[in-house]
Amino acid sequence: MLGSPVDIAIIGVVVLVVFGPKKVPELGKALGQGIGNFKKALSDVSDDVKAGINEAEKKDVQPAPTAQAATPAPATQAQAPAADEKAVSS
């Protein structure tokens, strides 16, 4: 499993052989700066999301006043006259 001391030592030796002893500190510095920039950007995005959520919650808590519409008179349905079921004979 990656992460044991032996694995880390092997990776360190491979990096040292591939890049050389003069380039390794520069790579470490660049890697550290990259990680720092990533964490800062992640924090900024997280803050923006939280601010958006807070704004949405404030809008839900304080709804805009609505104009009260006049209530229409209830509509009455006309009933059809009951038809005689008796047949008229002529």
N, C-alpha and C. Protein backbone atom coordinates (compact mmCIF):
# COMPACT_ATOMS: atom_id res chain seq x y z
N MET A 1 0.85 -1.18 0.00
CA MET A 1 0.00 0.00 0.00
C MET A 1 0.89 1.23 0.00
N LEU A 2 0.51 2.19 -0.80
CA LEU A 2 1.27 3.42 -0.92
C LEU A 2 1.14 4.24 0.36
N GLY A 3 2.24 4.71 0.87
CA GLY A 3 2.21 5.53 2.08
C GLY A 3 3.09 4.97 3.18
N SER A 4 3.55 3.75 3.02
CA SER A 4 4.44 3.20 4.04
C SER A 4 5.81 3.87 3.88
N PRO A 5 6.62 3.86 4.92
CA PRO A 5 7.94 4.52 4.84
C PRO A 5 8.82 3.98 3.70
N VAL A 6 8.73 2.70 3.42
CA VAL A 6 9.55 2.11 2.36
C VAL A 6 9.10 2.66 1.00
N ASP A 7 7.80 2.74 0.78
CA ASP A 7 7.28 3.28 -0.49
C ASP A 7 7.71 4.73 -0.69
N ILE A 8 7.62 5.52 0.35
CA ILE A 8 8.00 6.93 0.25
C ILE A 8 9.49 7.07 -0.03
N ALA A 9 10.31 6.23 0.60
CA ALA A 9 11.76 6.27 0.35
C ALA A 9 12.07 5.90 -1.09
N ILE A 10 11.41 4.90 -1.62
CA ILE A 10 11.63 4.49 -3.01
C ILE A 10 11.24 5.62 -3.97
N ILE A 11 10.10 6.25 -3.72
CA ILE A 11 9.67 7.37 -4.57
C ILE A 11 10.68 8.51 -4.48
N GLY A 12 11.19 8.79 -3.29
CA GLY A 12 12.19 9.85 -3.11
C GLY A 12 13.46 9.56 -3.90
N VAL A 13 13.93 8.32 -3.87
CA VAL A 13 15.14 7.95 -4.61
C VAL A 13 14.90 8.09 -6.12
N VAL A 14 13.74 7.65 -6.60
CA VAL A 14 13.44 7.75 -8.03
C VAL A 14 13.39 9.22 -8.46
N VAL A 15 12.76 10.07 -7.67
CA VAL A 15 12.69 11.50 -7.99
C VAL A 15 14.09 12.10 -8.01
N LEU A 16 14.93 11.72 -7.05
CA LEU A 16 16.29 12.24 -6.97
C LEU A 16 17.10 11.82 -8.20
N VAL A 17 16.93 10.58 -8.64
CA VAL A 17 17.68 10.09 -9.80
C VAL A 17 17.17 10.76 -11.08
N VAL A 18 15.86 10.91 -11.22
CA VAL A 18 15.30 11.46 -12.45
C VAL A 18 15.60 12.95 -12.59
N PHE A 19 15.40 13.73 -11.54
CA PHE A 19 15.53 15.18 -11.64
C PHE A 19 16.89 15.72 -11.18
N GLY A 20 17.62 14.98 -10.40
CA GLY A 20 18.92 15.44 -9.92
C GLY A 20 18.79 16.23 -8.63
N PRO A 21 19.90 16.29 -7.88
CA PRO A 21 19.84 16.94 -6.55
C PRO A 21 19.63 18.45 -6.61
N LYS A 22 19.97 19.10 -7.71
CA LYS A 22 19.81 20.55 -7.80
C LYS A 22 18.36 20.94 -8.12
N LYS A 23 17.66 20.09 -8.82
CA LYS A 23 16.30 20.41 -9.27
C LYS A 23 15.23 20.03 -8.24
N VAL A 24 15.52 19.10 -7.34
CA VAL A 24 14.52 18.62 -6.38
C VAL A 24 14.01 19.73 -5.46
N PRO A 25 14.86 20.61 -4.89
CA PRO A 25 14.32 21.68 -4.04
C PRO A 25 13.40 22.64 -4.81
N GLU A 26 13.73 22.91 -6.06
CA GLU A 26 12.87 23.78 -6.87
C GLU A 26 11.51 23.13 -7.11
N LEU A 27 11.54 21.82 -7.37
CA LEU A 27 10.28 21.11 -7.57
C LEU A 27 9.45 21.09 -6.30
N GLY A 28 10.10 20.89 -5.17
CA GLY A 28 9.40 20.90 -3.88
C GLY A 28 8.76 22.25 -3.60
N LYS A 29 9.50 23.32 -3.89
CA LYS A 29 8.97 24.66 -3.68
C LYS A 29 7.76 24.92 -4.57
N ALA A 30 7.90 24.55 -5.84
CA ALA A 30 6.80 24.75 -6.79
C ALA A 30 5.57 23.92 -6.38
N LEU A 31 5.82 22.70 -5.93
CA LEU A 31 4.72 21.84 -5.49
C LEU A 31 4.03 22.44 -4.27
N GLY A 32 4.81 22.94 -3.33
CA GLY A 32 4.24 23.56 -2.13
C GLY A 32 3.42 24.80 -2.46
N GLN A 33 3.93 25.62 -3.38
CA GLN A 33 3.18 26.81 -3.79
C GLN A 33 1.89 26.43 -4.51
N GLY A 34 1.96 25.40 -5.32
CA GLY A 34 0.76 24.94 -6.03
C GLY A 34 -0.30 24.44 -5.07
N ILE A 35 0.12 23.69 -4.07
CA ILE A 35 -0.83 23.19 -3.08
C ILE A 35 -1.43 24.35 -2.29
N GLY A 36 -0.59 25.33 -1.94
CA GLY A 36 -1.09 26.51 -1.21
C GLY A 36 -2.10 27.30 -2.02
N ASN A 37 -1.81 27.49 -3.31
CA ASN A 37 -2.75 28.21 -4.18
C ASN A 37 -4.06 27.45 -4.33
N PHE A 38 -3.96 26.13 -4.42
CA PHE A 38 -5.17 25.31 -4.54
C PHE A 38 -6.03 25.43 -3.29
N LYS A 39 -5.40 25.36 -2.12
CA LYS A 39 -6.16 25.48 -0.87
C LYS A 39 -6.81 26.86 -0.75
N LYS A 40 -6.10 27.90 -1.17
CA LYS A 40 -6.66 29.26 -1.12
C LYS A 40 -7.87 29.37 -2.05
N ALA A 41 -7.74 28.85 -3.26
CA ALA A 41 -8.86 28.90 -4.21
C ALA A 41 -10.05 28.09 -3.70
N LEU A 42 -9.77 26.95 -3.10
CA LEU A 42 -10.83 26.12 -2.54
C LEU A 42 -11.55 26.85 -1.42
N SER A 43 -10.80 27.55 -0.59
CA SER A 43 -11.39 28.33 0.50
C SER A 43 -12.25 29.46 -0.05
N ASP A 44 -11.76 30.14 -1.09
CA ASP A 44 -12.53 31.23 -1.70
C ASP A 44 -13.85 30.73 -2.28
N VAL A 45 -13.81 29.60 -2.96
CA VAL A 45 -15.03 29.03 -3.54
C VAL A 45 -16.00 28.64 -2.43
N SER A 46 -15.47 28.04 -1.37
CA SER A 46 -16.32 27.65 -0.25
C SER A 46 -16.98 28.87 0.38
N ASP A 47 -16.24 29.96 0.54
CA ASP A 47 -16.81 31.19 1.10
C ASP A 47 -17.89 31.76 0.19
N ASP A 48 -17.66 31.73 -1.12
CA ASP A 48 -18.65 32.23 -2.07
C ASP A 48 -19.94 31.41 -2.01
N VAL A 49 -19.81 30.10 -1.89
CA VAL A 49 -20.99 29.23 -1.81
C VAL A 49 -21.76 29.52 -0.53
N LYS A 50 -21.05 29.65 0.58
CA LYS A 50 -21.71 29.95 1.85
C LYS A 50 -22.42 31.30 1.80
N ALA A 51 -21.79 32.30 1.17
CA ALA A 51 -22.42 33.61 1.04
C ALA A 51 -23.68 33.52 0.19
N GLY A 52 -23.64 32.75 -0.87
CA GLY A 52 -24.82 32.56 -1.71
C GLY A 52 -25.95 31.88 -0.97
N ILE A 53 -25.61 30.90 -0.16
CA ILE A 53 -26.63 30.20 0.64
C ILE A 53 -27.25 31.16 1.64
N ASN A 54 -26.41 31.98 2.29
CA ASN A 54 -26.93 32.94 3.27
C ASN A 54 -27.86 33.95 2.61
N GLU A 55 -27.51 34.42 1.41
CA GLU A 55 -28.37 35.36 0.70
C GLU A 55 -29.71 34.71 0.34
N ALA A 56 -29.66 33.46 -0.08
CA ALA A 56 -30.89 32.76 -0.44
C ALA A 56 -31.77 32.57 0.79
N GLU A 57 -31.16 32.27 1.93
CA GLU A 57 -31.94 32.09 3.15
C GLU A 57 -32.58 33.41 3.58
N LYS A 58 -31.86 34.52 3.41
CA LYS A 58 -32.43 35.83 3.77
C LYS A 58 -33.62 36.16 2.89
N LYS A 59 -33.53 35.81 1.61
CA LYS A 59 -34.65 36.07 0.71
C LYS A 59 -35.86 35.23 1.09
N ASP A 60 -35.63 33.99 1.55
CA ASP A 60 -36.73 33.13 1.96
C ASP A 60 -37.38 33.64 3.24
N VAL A 61 -36.59 34.19 4.14
CA VAL A 61 -37.11 34.66 5.42
C VAL A 61 -37.89 35.95 5.24
N GLN A 62 -37.44 36.84 4.38
CA GLN A 62 -38.09 38.13 4.16
C GLN A 62 -38.68 38.18 2.76
N PRO A 63 -39.88 37.61 2.58
CA PRO A 63 -40.45 37.63 1.24
C PRO A 63 -40.89 39.05 0.87
N ALA A 64 -40.84 39.34 -0.39
CA ALA A 64 -41.24 40.66 -0.88
C ALA A 64 -42.75 40.82 -0.70
N PRO A 65 -43.19 42.01 -0.31
CA PRO A 65 -44.64 42.21 -0.13
C PRO A 65 -45.34 42.11 -1.48
N THR A 66 -46.47 41.44 -1.47
CA THR A 66 -47.22 41.28 -2.71
C THR A 66 -48.47 42.14 -2.65
N ALA A 67 -48.86 42.68 -3.76
CA ALA A 67 -50.08 43.47 -3.83
C ALA A 67 -51.27 42.54 -3.72
N GLN A 68 -52.23 42.94 -2.90
CA GLN A 68 -53.38 42.08 -2.70
C GLN A 68 -54.36 42.30 -3.85
N ALA A 69 -54.61 41.26 -4.57
CA ALA A 69 -55.51 41.34 -5.73
C ALA A 69 -56.95 41.32 -5.25
N ALA A 70 -57.81 42.02 -5.97
CA ALA A 70 -59.24 42.01 -5.64
C ALA A 70 -59.77 40.60 -5.87
N THR A 71 -60.55 40.13 -4.93
CA THR A 71 -61.08 38.78 -5.07
C THR A 71 -62.27 38.81 -6.01
N PRO A 72 -62.27 37.98 -7.01
CA PRO A 72 -63.40 37.95 -7.94
C PRO A 72 -64.64 37.36 -7.28
N ALA A 73 -65.80 37.80 -7.73
CA ALA A 73 -67.06 37.27 -7.20
C ALA A 73 -67.16 35.81 -7.60
N PRO A 74 -67.69 35.00 -6.70
CA PRO A 74 -67.79 33.58 -7.04
C PRO A 74 -68.72 33.37 -8.23
N ALA A 75 -68.28 32.56 -9.13
CA ALA A 75 -69.07 32.28 -10.33
C ALA A 75 -70.15 31.27 -10.00
N THR A 76 -71.34 31.51 -10.50
CA THR A 76 -72.43 30.55 -10.28
C THR A 76 -72.60 29.74 -11.54
N GLN A 77 -72.83 28.50 -11.35
CA GLN A 77 -73.02 27.62 -12.49
C GLN A 77 -74.51 27.52 -12.80
N ALA A 78 -74.87 27.72 -14.02
CA ALA A 78 -76.27 27.59 -14.43
C ALA A 78 -76.60 26.12 -14.57
N GLN A 79 -77.72 25.74 -13.96
CA GLN A 79 -78.12 24.35 -14.05
C GLN A 79 -79.09 24.20 -15.21
N ALA A 80 -78.92 23.16 -15.95
CA ALA A 80 -79.83 22.88 -17.06
C ALA A 80 -81.17 22.42 -16.49
N PRO A 81 -82.26 22.86 -17.07
CA PRO A 81 -83.57 22.41 -16.56
C PRO A 81 -83.71 20.90 -16.73
N ALA A 82 -84.34 20.33 -15.75
CA ALA A 82 -84.53 18.88 -15.79
C ALA A 82 -85.48 18.53 -16.93
N ALA A 83 -85.10 17.60 -17.73
CA ALA A 83 -85.94 17.19 -18.87
C ALA A 83 -86.91 16.12 -18.41
N ASP A 84 -88.13 16.21 -18.93
CA ASP A 84 -89.11 15.18 -18.62
C ASP A 84 -88.69 13.89 -19.29
N GLU A 85 -88.70 12.87 -18.53
CA GLU A 85 -88.30 11.60 -19.11
C GLU A 85 -89.50 10.87 -19.72
N LYS A 86 -90.69 11.44 -19.50
CA LYS A 86 -91.88 10.81 -20.07
C LYS A 86 -91.93 11.15 -21.55
N ALA A 87 -92.20 10.21 -22.31
CA ALA A 87 -92.32 10.43 -23.75
C ALA A 87 -93.69 11.03 -24.04
N VAL A 88 -93.70 12.04 -24.84
CA VAL A 88 -94.96 12.68 -25.21
C VAL A 88 -95.50 11.92 -26.42
N SER A 89 -96.70 11.40 -26.27
CA SER A 89 -97.27 10.65 -27.38
C SER A 89 -98.21 11.53 -28.18
N SER A 90 -98.17 11.40 -29.43
CA SER A 90 -99.04 12.20 -30.28
C SER A 90 -100.16 11.38 -30.83
